[in-house]
Amino acid sequence: TGRPMVDADARFRLAGDTKAFTATAVMRLVAEGKVRLDAPAGG
């Protein structure tokens, strides 16, 4: 289409890609010792 990407104020759906972003962020917290993988998620 040639339609440009959204600007800074726009939102767009990432769909299944959000799982990878979330997992990466959580694993960074694990590496920093702020989250434990085998801890109950309720914490």
Full PDB file with SEQRES, HELIX, SHEET, SSBOND, CRYST1, ORIGX, SCALE, CONECT and MASTER records, all heavy atoms in Angstrom:
SEQRES   1 A   43  THR GLY ARG PRO MET VAL ASP ALA ASP ALA ARG PHE ARG          
SEQRES   2 A   43  LEU ALA GLY ASP THR LYS ALA PHE THR ALA THR ALA VAL          
SEQRES   3 A   43  MET ARG LEU VAL ALA GLU GLY LYS VAL ARG LEU ASP ALA          
SEQRES   4 A   43  PRO ALA GLY GLY                                              
HELIX    1 AA1 ASP A   17  ALA A   31  1                                  15    
CRYST1    1.000    1.000    1.000  90.00  90.00  90.00 P 1           1          
ORIGX1      1.000000  0.000000  0.000000        0.00000                         
ORIGX2      0.000000  1.000000  0.000000        0.00000                         
ORIGX3      0.000000  0.000000  1.000000        0.00000                         
SCALE1      1.000000  0.000000  0.000000        0.00000                         
SCALE2      0.000000  1.000000  0.000000        0.00000                         
SCALE3      0.000000  0.000000  1.000000        0.00000                         
ATOM      1  N   THR A   1       0.812  -1.222   0.000  1.00  0.00           N  
ATOM      2  CA  THR A   1       0.000   0.000   0.000  1.00  0.00           C  
ATOM      3  C   THR A   1       0.843   1.269   0.000  1.00  0.00           C  
ATOM      4  O   THR A   1       0.367   2.315  -0.425  1.00  0.00           O  
ATOM      5  CB  THR A   1      -0.903   0.067   1.244  1.00  0.00           C  
ATOM      6  OG1 THR A   1      -0.096   0.198   2.409  1.00  0.00           O  
ATOM      7  CG2 THR A   1      -1.795  -1.150   1.349  1.00  0.00           C  
ATOM      8  N   GLY A   2       2.063   1.198   0.520  1.00  0.00           N  
ATOM      9  CA  GLY A   2       2.869   2.398   0.647  1.00  0.00           C  
ATOM     10  C   GLY A   2       2.432   3.287   1.799  1.00  0.00           C  
ATOM     11  O   GLY A   2       3.013   4.328   2.055  1.00  0.00           O  
ATOM     12  N   ARG A   3       1.383   2.858   2.516  1.00  0.00           N  
ATOM     13  CA  ARG A   3       0.891   3.641   3.658  1.00  0.00           C  
ATOM     14  C   ARG A   3       1.949   3.598   4.747  1.00  0.00           C  
ATOM     15  O   ARG A   3       2.417   2.531   5.142  1.00  0.00           O  
ATOM     16  CB  ARG A   3      -0.425   3.045   4.156  1.00  0.00           C  
ATOM     17  CG  ARG A   3      -1.120   3.872   5.207  1.00  0.00           C  
ATOM     18  CD  ARG A   3      -2.570   3.411   5.415  1.00  0.00           C  
ATOM     19  NE  ARG A   3      -2.707   1.986   5.527  1.00  0.00           N  
ATOM     20  CZ  ARG A   3      -2.893   1.321   6.680  1.00  0.00           C  
ATOM     21  NH1 ARG A   3      -2.951   1.972   7.807  1.00  0.00           N  
ATOM     22  NH2 ARG A   3      -3.033   0.015   6.680  1.00  0.00           N  
ATOM     23  N   PRO A   4       2.362   4.786   5.271  1.00  0.00           N  
ATOM     24  CA  PRO A   4       3.440   4.798   6.265  1.00  0.00           C  
ATOM     25  C   PRO A   4       3.039   4.148   7.585  1.00  0.00           C  
ATOM     26  O   PRO A   4       1.849   4.012   7.895  1.00  0.00           O  
ATOM     27  CB  PRO A   4       3.737   6.279   6.453  1.00  0.00           C  
ATOM     28  CG  PRO A   4       2.497   6.969   6.032  1.00  0.00           C  
ATOM     29  CD  PRO A   4       1.856   6.100   4.987  1.00  0.00           C  
ATOM     30  N   MET A   5       4.067   3.792   8.352  1.00  0.00           N  
ATOM     31  CA  MET A   5       3.821   3.250   9.690  1.00  0.00           C  
ATOM     32  C   MET A   5       3.133   4.300  10.548  1.00  0.00           C  
ATOM     33  O   MET A   5       3.151   5.477  10.227  1.00  0.00           O  
ATOM     34  CB  MET A   5       5.149   2.842  10.352  1.00  0.00           C  
ATOM     35  CG  MET A   5       5.799   1.619   9.752  1.00  0.00           C  
ATOM     36  SD  MET A   5       4.853   0.122  10.018  1.00  0.00           S  
ATOM     37  CE  MET A   5       4.906  -0.023  11.776  1.00  0.00           C  
ATOM     38  N   VAL A   6       2.590   3.875  11.659  1.00  0.00           N  
ATOM     39  CA  VAL A   6       1.884   4.769  12.578  1.00  0.00           C  
ATOM     40  C   VAL A   6       2.838   5.767  13.212  1.00  0.00           C  
ATOM     41  O   VAL A   6       4.042   5.556  13.260  1.00  0.00           O  
ATOM     42  CB  VAL A   6       1.176   3.962  13.687  1.00  0.00           C  
ATOM     43  CG1 VAL A   6       0.113   3.086  13.097  1.00  0.00           C  
ATOM     44  CG2 VAL A   6       2.166   3.152  14.484  1.00  0.00           C  
ATOM     45  N   ASP A   7       2.272   6.883  13.716  1.00  0.00           N  
ATOM     46  CA  ASP A   7       3.128   7.855  14.400  1.00  0.00           C  
ATOM     47  C   ASP A   7       3.226   7.513  15.885  1.00  0.00           C  
ATOM     48  O   ASP A   7       2.694   6.507  16.342  1.00  0.00           O  
ATOM     49  CB  ASP A   7       2.607   9.279  14.200  1.00  0.00           C  
ATOM     50  CG  ASP A   7       1.218   9.490  14.774  1.00  0.00           C  
ATOM     51  OD1 ASP A   7       0.808   8.760  15.698  1.00  0.00           O  
ATOM     52  OD2 ASP A   7       0.535  10.414  14.312  1.00  0.00           O  
ATOM     53  N   ALA A   8       3.886   8.352  16.661  1.00  0.00           N  
ATOM     54  CA  ALA A   8       4.175   8.069  18.070  1.00  0.00           C  
ATOM     55  C   ALA A   8       2.924   7.931  18.928  1.00  0.00           C  
ATOM     56  O   ALA A   8       2.944   7.250  19.954  1.00  0.00           O  
ATOM     57  CB  ALA A   8       5.059   9.164  18.638  1.00  0.00           C  
ATOM     58  N   ASP A   9       1.826   8.566  18.539  1.00  0.00           N  
ATOM     59  CA  ASP A   9       0.611   8.520  19.347  1.00  0.00           C  
ATOM     60  C   ASP A   9      -0.347   7.395  18.947  1.00  0.00           C  
ATOM     61  O   ASP A   9      -1.349   7.176  19.611  1.00  0.00           O  
ATOM     62  CB  ASP A   9      -0.130   9.855  19.255  1.00  0.00           C  
ATOM     63  CG  ASP A   9       0.693  10.993  19.833  1.00  0.00           C  
ATOM     64  OD1 ASP A   9       1.394  10.752  20.834  1.00  0.00           O  
ATOM     65  OD2 ASP A   9       0.644  12.101  19.273  1.00  0.00           O  
ATOM     66  N   ALA A  10      -0.068   6.718  17.882  1.00  0.00           N  
ATOM     67  CA  ALA A  10      -0.965   5.674  17.395  1.00  0.00           C  
ATOM     68  C   ALA A  10      -0.729   4.355  18.127  1.00  0.00           C  
ATOM     69  O   ALA A  10       0.281   4.165  18.798  1.00  0.00           O  
ATOM     70  CB  ALA A  10      -0.769   5.478  15.895  1.00  0.00           C  
ATOM     71  N   ARG A  11      -1.689   3.479  18.019  1.00  0.00           N  
ATOM     72  CA  ARG A  11      -1.574   2.141  18.603  1.00  0.00           C  
ATOM     73  C   ARG A  11      -1.811   1.126  17.496  1.00  0.00           C  
ATOM     74  O   ARG A  11      -2.559   1.367  16.562  1.00  0.00           O  
ATOM     75  CB  ARG A  11      -2.611   1.952  19.703  1.00  0.00           C  
ATOM     76  CG  ARG A  11      -2.401   2.893  20.857  1.00  0.00           C  
ATOM     77  CD  ARG A  11      -3.476   2.679  21.911  1.00  0.00           C  
ATOM     78  NE  ARG A  11      -3.352   3.655  22.942  1.00  0.00           N  
ATOM     79  CZ  ARG A  11      -2.739   3.458  24.092  1.00  0.00           C  
ATOM     80  NH1 ARG A  11      -2.185   2.295  24.349  1.00  0.00           N  
ATOM     81  NH2 ARG A  11      -2.676   4.402  24.974  1.00  0.00           N  
ATOM     82  N   PHE A  12      -1.170  -0.029  17.637  1.00  0.00           N  
ATOM     83  CA  PHE A  12      -1.430  -1.094  16.694  1.00  0.00           C  
ATOM     84  C   PHE A  12      -1.312  -2.424  17.398  1.00  0.00           C  
ATOM     85  O   PHE A  12      -0.659  -2.548  18.423  1.00  0.00           O  
ATOM     86  CB  PHE A  12      -0.504  -1.020  15.465  1.00  0.00           C  
ATOM     87  CG  PHE A  12       0.960  -1.075  15.780  1.00  0.00           C  
ATOM     88  CD1 PHE A  12       1.644  -2.268  15.696  1.00  0.00           C  
ATOM     89  CD2 PHE A  12       1.643   0.068  16.142  1.00  0.00           C  
ATOM     90  CE1 PHE A  12       2.992  -2.330  15.988  1.00  0.00           C  
ATOM     91  CE2 PHE A  12       3.001   0.015  16.425  1.00  0.00           C  
ATOM     92  CZ  PHE A  12       3.675  -1.183  16.353  1.00  0.00           C  
ATOM     93  N   ARG A  13      -1.969  -3.418  16.850  1.00  0.00           N  
ATOM     94  CA  ARG A  13      -2.063  -4.733  17.455  1.00  0.00           C  
ATOM     95  C   ARG A  13      -0.825  -5.564  17.137  1.00  0.00           C  
ATOM     96  O   ARG A  13      -0.424  -5.700  15.999  1.00  0.00           O  
ATOM     97  CB  ARG A  13      -3.317  -5.410  16.915  1.00  0.00           C  
ATOM     98  CG  ARG A  13      -3.618  -6.732  17.495  1.00  0.00           C  
ATOM     99  CD  ARG A  13      -4.999  -7.186  16.994  1.00  0.00           C  
ATOM    100  NE  ARG A  13      -5.100  -8.602  16.893  1.00  0.00           N  
ATOM    101  CZ  ARG A  13      -5.324  -9.413  17.904  1.00  0.00           C  
ATOM    102  NH1 ARG A  13      -5.469  -8.924  19.103  1.00  0.00           N  
ATOM    103  NH2 ARG A  13      -5.415 -10.701  17.733  1.00  0.00           N  
ATOM    104  N   LEU A  14      -0.224  -6.129  18.177  1.00  0.00           N  
ATOM    105  CA  LEU A  14       0.934  -7.001  17.997  1.00  0.00           C  
ATOM    106  C   LEU A  14       0.555  -8.474  17.948  1.00  0.00           C  
ATOM    107  O   LEU A  14       1.347  -9.309  17.561  1.00  0.00           O  
ATOM    108  CB  LEU A  14       1.936  -6.802  19.135  1.00  0.00           C  
ATOM    109  CG  LEU A  14       2.786  -5.558  19.058  1.00  0.00           C  
ATOM    110  CD1 LEU A  14       3.652  -5.434  20.286  1.00  0.00           C  
ATOM    111  CD2 LEU A  14       3.643  -5.563  17.826  1.00  0.00           C  
ATOM    112  N   ALA A  15      -0.653  -8.782  18.421  1.00  0.00           N  
ATOM    113  CA  ALA A  15      -1.163 -10.154  18.420  1.00  0.00           C  
ATOM    114  C   ALA A  15      -0.200 -11.103  19.130  1.00  0.00           C  
ATOM    115  O   ALA A  15       0.234 -10.819  20.226  1.00  0.00           O  
ATOM    116  CB  ALA A  15      -1.469 -10.609  16.994  1.00  0.00           C  
ATOM    117  N   GLY A  16       0.156 -12.208  18.524  1.00  0.00           N  
ATOM    118  CA  GLY A  16       0.979 -13.227  19.164  1.00  0.00           C  
ATOM    119  C   GLY A  16       2.400 -12.785  19.464  1.00  0.00           C  
ATOM    120  O   GLY A  16       3.094 -13.420  20.248  1.00  0.00           O  
ATOM    121  N   ASP A  17       2.842 -11.702  18.849  1.00  0.00           N  
ATOM    122  CA  ASP A  17       4.210 -11.227  19.090  1.00  0.00           C  
ATOM    123  C   ASP A  17       4.405 -10.737  20.518  1.00  0.00           C  
ATOM    124  O   ASP A  17       5.528 -10.678  21.011  1.00  0.00           O  
ATOM    125  CB  ASP A  17       4.566 -10.106  18.119  1.00  0.00           C  
ATOM    126  CG  ASP A  17       4.644 -10.601  16.685  1.00  0.00           C  
ATOM    127  OD1 ASP A  17       4.919 -11.798  16.489  1.00  0.00           O  
ATOM    128  OD2 ASP A  17       4.420  -9.799  15.767  1.00  0.00           O  
ATOM    129  N   THR A  18       3.336 -10.373  21.202  1.00  0.00           N  
ATOM    130  CA  THR A  18       3.476  -9.855  22.567  1.00  0.00           C  
ATOM    131  C   THR A  18       4.022 -10.911  23.518  1.00  0.00           C  
ATOM    132  O   THR A  18       4.673 -10.571  24.502  1.00  0.00           O  
ATOM    133  CB  THR A  18       2.139  -9.325  23.117  1.00  0.00           C  
ATOM    134  OG1 THR A  18       1.165 -10.358  23.069  1.00  0.00           O  
ATOM    135  CG2 THR A  18       1.661  -8.128  22.315  1.00  0.00           C  
ATOM    136  N   LYS A  19       3.783 -12.181  23.229  1.00  0.00           N  
ATOM    137  CA  LYS A  19       4.282 -13.253  24.105  1.00  0.00           C  
ATOM    138  C   LYS A  19       5.811 -13.231  24.177  1.00  0.00           C  
ATOM    139  O   LYS A  19       6.393 -13.346  25.250  1.00  0.00           O  
ATOM    140  CB  LYS A  19       3.794 -14.610  23.616  1.00  0.00           C  
ATOM    141  CG  LYS A  19       2.314 -14.838  23.754  1.00  0.00           C  
ATOM    142  CD  LYS A  19       1.987 -16.258  23.339  1.00  0.00           C  
ATOM    143  CE  LYS A  19       0.690 -16.406  22.653  1.00  0.00           C  
ATOM    144  NZ  LYS A  19       0.501 -15.843  21.347  1.00  0.00           N  
ATOM    145  N   ALA A  20       6.452 -13.058  23.053  1.00  0.00           N  
ATOM    146  CA  ALA A  20       7.918 -13.026  23.027  1.00  0.00           C  
ATOM    147  C   ALA A  20       8.453 -11.801  23.760  1.00  0.00           C  
ATOM    148  O   ALA A  20       9.439 -11.892  24.503  1.00  0.00           O  
ATOM    149  CB  ALA A  20       8.420 -13.041  21.583  1.00  0.00           C  
ATOM    150  N   PHE A  21       7.822 -10.654  23.576  1.00  0.00           N  
ATOM    151  CA  PHE A  21       8.258  -9.443  24.271  1.00  0.00           C  
ATOM    152  C   PHE A  21       8.095  -9.597  25.773  1.00  0.00           C  
ATOM    153  O   PHE A  21       8.980  -9.237  26.559  1.00  0.00           O  
ATOM    154  CB  PHE A  21       7.479  -8.219  23.789  1.00  0.00           C  
ATOM    155  CG  PHE A  21       7.846  -7.773  22.406  1.00  0.00           C  
ATOM    156  CD1 PHE A  21       6.947  -7.884  21.367  1.00  0.00           C  
ATOM    157  CD2 PHE A  21       9.096  -7.227  22.148  1.00  0.00           C  
ATOM    158  CE1 PHE A  21       7.267  -7.460  20.090  1.00  0.00           C  
ATOM    159  CE2 PHE A  21       9.441  -6.810  20.877  1.00  0.00           C  
ATOM    160  CZ  PHE A  21       8.528  -6.926  19.841  1.00  0.00           C  
ATOM    161  N   THR A  22       6.955 -10.142  26.189  1.00  0.00           N  
ATOM    162  CA  THR A  22       6.696 -10.324  27.614  1.00  0.00           C  
ATOM    163  C   THR A  22       7.688 -11.311  28.217  1.00  0.00           C  
ATOM    164  O   THR A  22       8.261 -11.061  29.281  1.00  0.00           O  
ATOM    165  CB  THR A  22       5.251 -10.814  27.842  1.00  0.00           C  
ATOM    166  OG1 THR A  22       4.352  -9.842  27.298  1.00  0.00           O  
ATOM    167  CG2 THR A  22       4.961 -11.021  29.307  1.00  0.00           C  
ATOM    168  N   ALA A  23       7.904 -12.432  27.544  1.00  0.00           N  
ATOM    169  CA  ALA A  23       8.843 -13.439  28.053  1.00  0.00           C  
ATOM    170  C   ALA A  23      10.255 -12.862  28.166  1.00  0.00           C  
ATOM    171  O   ALA A  23      10.961 -13.122  29.144  1.00  0.00           O  
ATOM    172  CB  ALA A  23       8.843 -14.666  27.150  1.00  0.00           C  
ATOM    173  N   THR A  24      10.655 -12.055  27.203  1.00  0.00           N  
ATOM    174  CA  THR A  24      11.980 -11.444  27.248  1.00  0.00           C  
ATOM    175  C   THR A  24      12.097 -10.500  28.440  1.00  0.00           C  
ATOM    176  O   THR A  24      13.103 -10.511  29.161  1.00  0.00           O  
ATOM    177  CB  THR A  24      12.268 -10.680  25.936  1.00  0.00           C  
ATOM    178  OG1 THR A  24      12.217 -11.616  24.856  1.00  0.00           O  
ATOM    179  CG2 THR A  24      13.623 -10.007  25.969  1.00  0.00           C  
ATOM    180  N   ALA A  25      11.080  -9.697  28.661  1.00  0.00           N  
ATOM    181  CA  ALA A  25      11.091  -8.767  29.797  1.00  0.00           C  
ATOM    182  C   ALA A  25      11.142  -9.527  31.122  1.00  0.00           C  
ATOM    183  O   ALA A  25      11.900  -9.164  32.032  1.00  0.00           O  
ATOM    184  CB  ALA A  25       9.867  -7.866  29.747  1.00  0.00           C  
ATOM    185  N   VAL A  26      10.365 -10.598  31.240  1.00  0.00           N  
ATOM    186  CA  VAL A  26      10.365 -11.390  32.472  1.00  0.00           C  
ATOM    187  C   VAL A  26      11.717 -12.049  32.674  1.00  0.00           C  
ATOM    188  O   VAL A  26      12.257 -12.059  33.787  1.00  0.00           O  
ATOM    189  CB  VAL A  26       9.227 -12.435  32.468  1.00  0.00           C  
ATOM    190  CG1 VAL A  26       9.361 -13.411  33.630  1.00  0.00           C  
ATOM    191  CG2 VAL A  26       7.869 -11.741  32.511  1.00  0.00           C  
ATOM    192  N   MET A  27      12.311 -12.583  31.628  1.00  0.00           N  
ATOM    193  CA  MET A  27      13.617 -13.232  31.765  1.00  0.00           C  
ATOM    194  C   MET A  27      14.711 -12.221  32.150  1.00  0.00           C  
ATOM    195  O   MET A  27      15.649 -12.574  32.864  1.00  0.00           O  
ATOM    196  CB  MET A  27      13.993 -13.977  30.483  1.00  0.00           C  
ATOM    197  CG  MET A  27      13.121 -15.203  30.237  1.00  0.00           C  
ATOM    198  SD  MET A  27      13.079 -16.345  31.637  1.00  0.00           S  
ATOM    199  CE  MET A  27      14.760 -16.909  31.687  1.00  0.00           C  
ATOM    200  N   ARG A  28      14.579 -10.987  31.723  1.00  0.00           N  
ATOM    201  CA  ARG A  28      15.530  -9.960  32.172  1.00  0.00           C  
ATOM    202  C   ARG A  28      15.386  -9.739  33.674  1.00  0.00           C  
ATOM    203  O   ARG A  28      16.372  -9.570  34.384  1.00  0.00           O  
ATOM    204  CB  ARG A  28      15.305  -8.660  31.415  1.00  0.00           C  
ATOM    205  CG  ARG A  28      15.783  -8.759  29.961  1.00  0.00           C  
ATOM    206  CD  ARG A  28      15.704  -7.456  29.265  1.00  0.00           C  
ATOM    207  NE  ARG A  28      16.713  -6.548  29.833  1.00  0.00           N  
ATOM    208  CZ  ARG A  28      16.999  -5.375  29.310  1.00  0.00           C  
ATOM    209  NH1 ARG A  28      16.380  -4.961  28.233  1.00  0.00           N  
ATOM    210  NH2 ARG A  28      17.901  -4.597  29.878  1.00  0.00           N  
ATOM    211  N   LEU A  29      14.131  -9.745  34.164  1.00  0.00           N  
ATOM    212  CA  LEU A  29      13.890  -9.592  35.597  1.00  0.00           C  
ATOM    213  C   LEU A  29      14.435 -10.797  36.369  1.00  0.00           C  
ATOM    214  O   LEU A  29      14.943 -10.651  37.474  1.00  0.00           O  
ATOM    215  CB  LEU A  29      12.404  -9.389  35.874  1.00  0.00           C  
ATOM    216  CG  LEU A  29      11.828  -8.070  35.348  1.00  0.00           C  
ATOM    217  CD1 LEU A  29      10.302  -8.073  35.472  1.00  0.00           C  
ATOM    218  CD2 LEU A  29      12.430  -6.893  36.089  1.00  0.00           C  
ATOM    219  N   VAL A  30      14.336 -11.982  35.775  1.00  0.00           N  
ATOM    220  CA  VAL A  30      14.901 -13.184  36.396  1.00  0.00           C  
ATOM    221  C   VAL A  30      16.422 -13.025  36.500  1.00  0.00           C  
ATOM    222  O   VAL A  30      17.018 -13.287  37.546  1.00  0.00           O  
ATOM    223  CB  VAL A  30      14.528 -14.455  35.587  1.00  0.00           C  
ATOM    224  CG1 VAL A  30      15.331 -15.656  36.047  1.00  0.00           C  
ATOM    225  CG2 VAL A  30      13.031 -14.732  35.708  1.00  0.00           C  
ATOM    226  N   ALA A  31      17.054 -12.575  35.419  1.00  0.00           N  
ATOM    227  CA  ALA A  31      18.502 -12.392  35.416  1.00  0.00           C  
ATOM    228  C   ALA A  31      18.947 -11.369  36.461  1.00  0.00           C  
ATOM    229  O   ALA A  31      20.027 -11.488  37.038  1.00  0.00           O  
ATOM    230  CB  ALA A  31      18.981 -11.965  34.026  1.00  0.00           C  
ATOM    231  N   GLU A  32      18.113 -10.381  36.717  1.00  0.00           N  
ATOM    232  CA  GLU A  32      18.425  -9.354  37.714  1.00  0.00           C  
ATOM    233  C   GLU A  32      18.074  -9.793  39.134  1.00  0.00           C  
ATOM    234  O   GLU A  32      18.306  -9.057  40.089  1.00  0.00           O  
ATOM    235  CB  GLU A  32      17.674  -8.063  37.386  1.00  0.00           C  
ATOM    236  CG  GLU A  32      18.134  -7.396  36.102  1.00  0.00           C  
ATOM    237  CD  GLU A  32      17.247  -6.238  35.688  1.00  0.00           C  
ATOM    238  OE1 GLU A  32      16.403  -5.791  36.502  1.00  0.00           O  
ATOM    239  OE2 GLU A  32      17.395  -5.771  34.551  1.00  0.00           O  
ATOM    240  N   GLY A  33      17.495 -10.996  39.261  1.00  0.00           N  
ATOM    241  CA  GLY A  33      17.137 -11.505  40.581  1.00  0.00           C  
ATOM    242  C   GLY A  33      15.850 -10.919  41.141  1.00  0.00           C  
ATOM    243  O   GLY A  33      15.557 -11.082  42.322  1.00  0.00           O  
ATOM    244  N   LYS A  34      15.063 -10.267  40.316  1.00  0.00           N  
ATOM    245  CA  LYS A  34      13.816  -9.633  40.775  1.00  0.00           C  
ATOM    246  C   LYS A  34      12.605 -10.558  40.652  1.00  0.00           C  
ATOM    247  O   LYS A  34      11.579 -10.305  41.265  1.00  0.00           O  
ATOM    248  CB  LYS A  34      13.569  -8.345  40.001  1.00  0.00           C  
ATOM    249  CG  LYS A  34      14.640  -7.308  40.259  1.00  0.00           C  
ATOM    250  CD  LYS A  34      14.414  -6.064  39.446  1.00  0.00           C  
ATOM    251  CE  LYS A  34      15.525  -5.056  39.713  1.00  0.00           C  
ATOM    252  NZ  LYS A  34      15.373  -3.862  38.892  1.00  0.00           N  
ATOM    253  N   VAL A  35      12.719 -11.600  39.840  1.00  0.00           N  
ATOM    254  CA  VAL A  35      11.644 -12.582  39.647  1.00  0.00           C  
ATOM    255  C   VAL A  35      12.271 -13.963  39.691  1.00  0.00           C  
ATOM    256  O   VAL A  35      13.362 -14.172  39.168  1.00  0.00           O  
ATOM    257  CB  VAL A  35      10.932 -12.355  38.287  1.00  0.00           C  
ATOM    258  CG1 VAL A  35       9.951 -13.466  37.977  1.00  0.00           C  
ATOM    259  CG2 VAL A  35      10.221 -11.010  38.269  1.00  0.00           C  
ATOM    260  N   ARG A  36      11.569 -14.909  40.309  1.00  0.00           N  
ATOM    261  CA  ARG A  36      12.020 -16.308  40.341  1.00  0.00           C  
ATOM    262  C   ARG A  36      11.103 -17.144  39.459  1.00  0.00           C  
ATOM    263  O   ARG A  36       9.877 -17.077  39.597  1.00  0.00           O  
ATOM    264  CB  ARG A  36      11.988 -16.819  41.773  1.00  0.00           C  
ATOM    265  CG  ARG A  36      13.056 -16.191  42.655  1.00  0.00           C  
ATOM    266  CD  ARG A  36      13.113 -16.803  44.061  1.00  0.00           C  
ATOM    267  NE  ARG A  36      12.145 -17.859  44.285  1.00  0.00           N  
ATOM    268  CZ  ARG A  36      11.175 -17.804  45.211  1.00  0.00           C  
ATOM    269  NH1 ARG A  36      11.045 -16.774  45.999  1.00  0.00           N  
ATOM    270  NH2 ARG A  36      10.336 -18.803  45.364  1.00  0.00           N  
ATOM    271  N   LEU A  37      11.674 -17.941  38.582  1.00  0.00           N  
ATOM    272  CA  LEU A  37      10.874 -18.739  37.655  1.00  0.00           C  
ATOM    273  C   LEU A  37       9.972 -19.750  38.360  1.00  0.00           C  
ATOM    274  O   LEU A  37       8.856 -20.000  37.914  1.00  0.00           O  
ATOM    275  CB  LEU A  37      11.777 -19.475  36.666  1.00  0.00           C  
ATOM    276  CG  LEU A  37      12.380 -18.620  35.558  1.00  0.00           C  
ATOM    277  CD1 LEU A  37      13.341 -19.461  34.718  1.00  0.00           C  
ATOM    278  CD2 LEU A  37      11.302 -18.016  34.692  1.00  0.00           C  
ATOM    279  N   ASP A  38      10.444 -20.349  39.446  1.00  0.00           N  
ATOM    280  CA  ASP A  38       9.649 -21.380  40.102  1.00  0.00           C  
ATOM    281  C   ASP A  38       8.829 -20.853  41.275  1.00  0.00           C  
ATOM    282  O   ASP A  38       8.253 -21.629  42.031  1.00  0.00           O  
ATOM    283  CB  ASP A  38      10.561 -22.525  40.530  1.00  0.00           C  
ATOM    284  CG  ASP A  38      11.145 -23.236  39.317  1.00  0.00           C  
ATOM    285  OD1 ASP A  38      10.369 -23.513  38.370  1.00  0.00           O  
ATOM    286  OD2 ASP A  38      12.355 -23.487  39.290  1.00  0.00           O  
ATOM    287  N   ALA A  39       8.733 -19.543  41.380  1.00  0.00           N  
ATOM    288  CA  ALA A  39       7.893 -18.926  42.415  1.00  0.00           C  
ATOM    289  C   ALA A  39       6.432 -18.923  41.953  1.00  0.00           C  
ATOM    290  O   ALA A  39       6.164 -18.890  40.749  1.00  0.00           O  
ATOM    291  CB  ALA A  39       8.346 -17.493  42.663  1.00  0.00           C  
ATOM    292  N   PRO A  40       5.496 -18.967  42.898  1.00  0.00           N  
ATOM    293  CA  PRO A  40       4.090 -18.850  42.506  1.00  0.00           C  
ATOM    294  C   PRO A  40       3.857 -17.512  41.805  1.00  0.00           C  
ATOM    295  O   PRO A  40       4.325 -16.467  42.268  1.00  0.00           O  
ATOM    296  CB  PRO A  40       3.341 -18.894  43.832  1.00  0.00           C  
ATOM    297  CG  PRO A  40       4.281 -19.558  44.787  1.00  0.00           C  
ATOM    298  CD  PRO A  40       5.661 -19.169  44.328  1.00  0.00           C  
ATOM    299  N   ALA A  41       3.168 -17.550  40.684  1.00  0.00           N  
ATOM    300  CA  ALA A  41       2.912 -16.334  39.910  1.00  0.00           C  
ATOM    301  C   ALA A  41       2.080 -15.334  40.700  1.00  0.00           C  
ATOM    302  O   ALA A  41       2.149 -14.131  40.451  1.00  0.00           O  
ATOM    303  CB  ALA A  41       2.218 -16.695  38.604  1.00  0.00           C  
ATOM    304  N   GLY A  42       1.306 -15.803  41.668  1.00  0.00           N  
ATOM    305  CA  GLY A  42       0.479 -14.924  42.480  1.00  0.00           C  
ATOM    306  C   GLY A  42       1.267 -13.887  43.259  1.00  0.00           C  
ATOM    307  O   GLY A  42       0.724 -12.851  43.641  1.00  0.00           O  
ATOM    308  N   GLY A  43       2.542 -14.129  43.472  1.00  0.00           N  
ATOM    309  CA  GLY A  43       3.380 -13.142  44.138  1.00  0.00           C  
ATOM    310  C   GLY A  43       3.665 -11.930  43.264  1.00  0.00           C  
ATOM    311  O   GLY A  43       4.073 -10.889  43.756  1.00  0.00           O  
TER     312      GLY A  43                                                      
MASTER        0    0    0    1    0    0    0    6  311    1    0    4          
END                                                                             
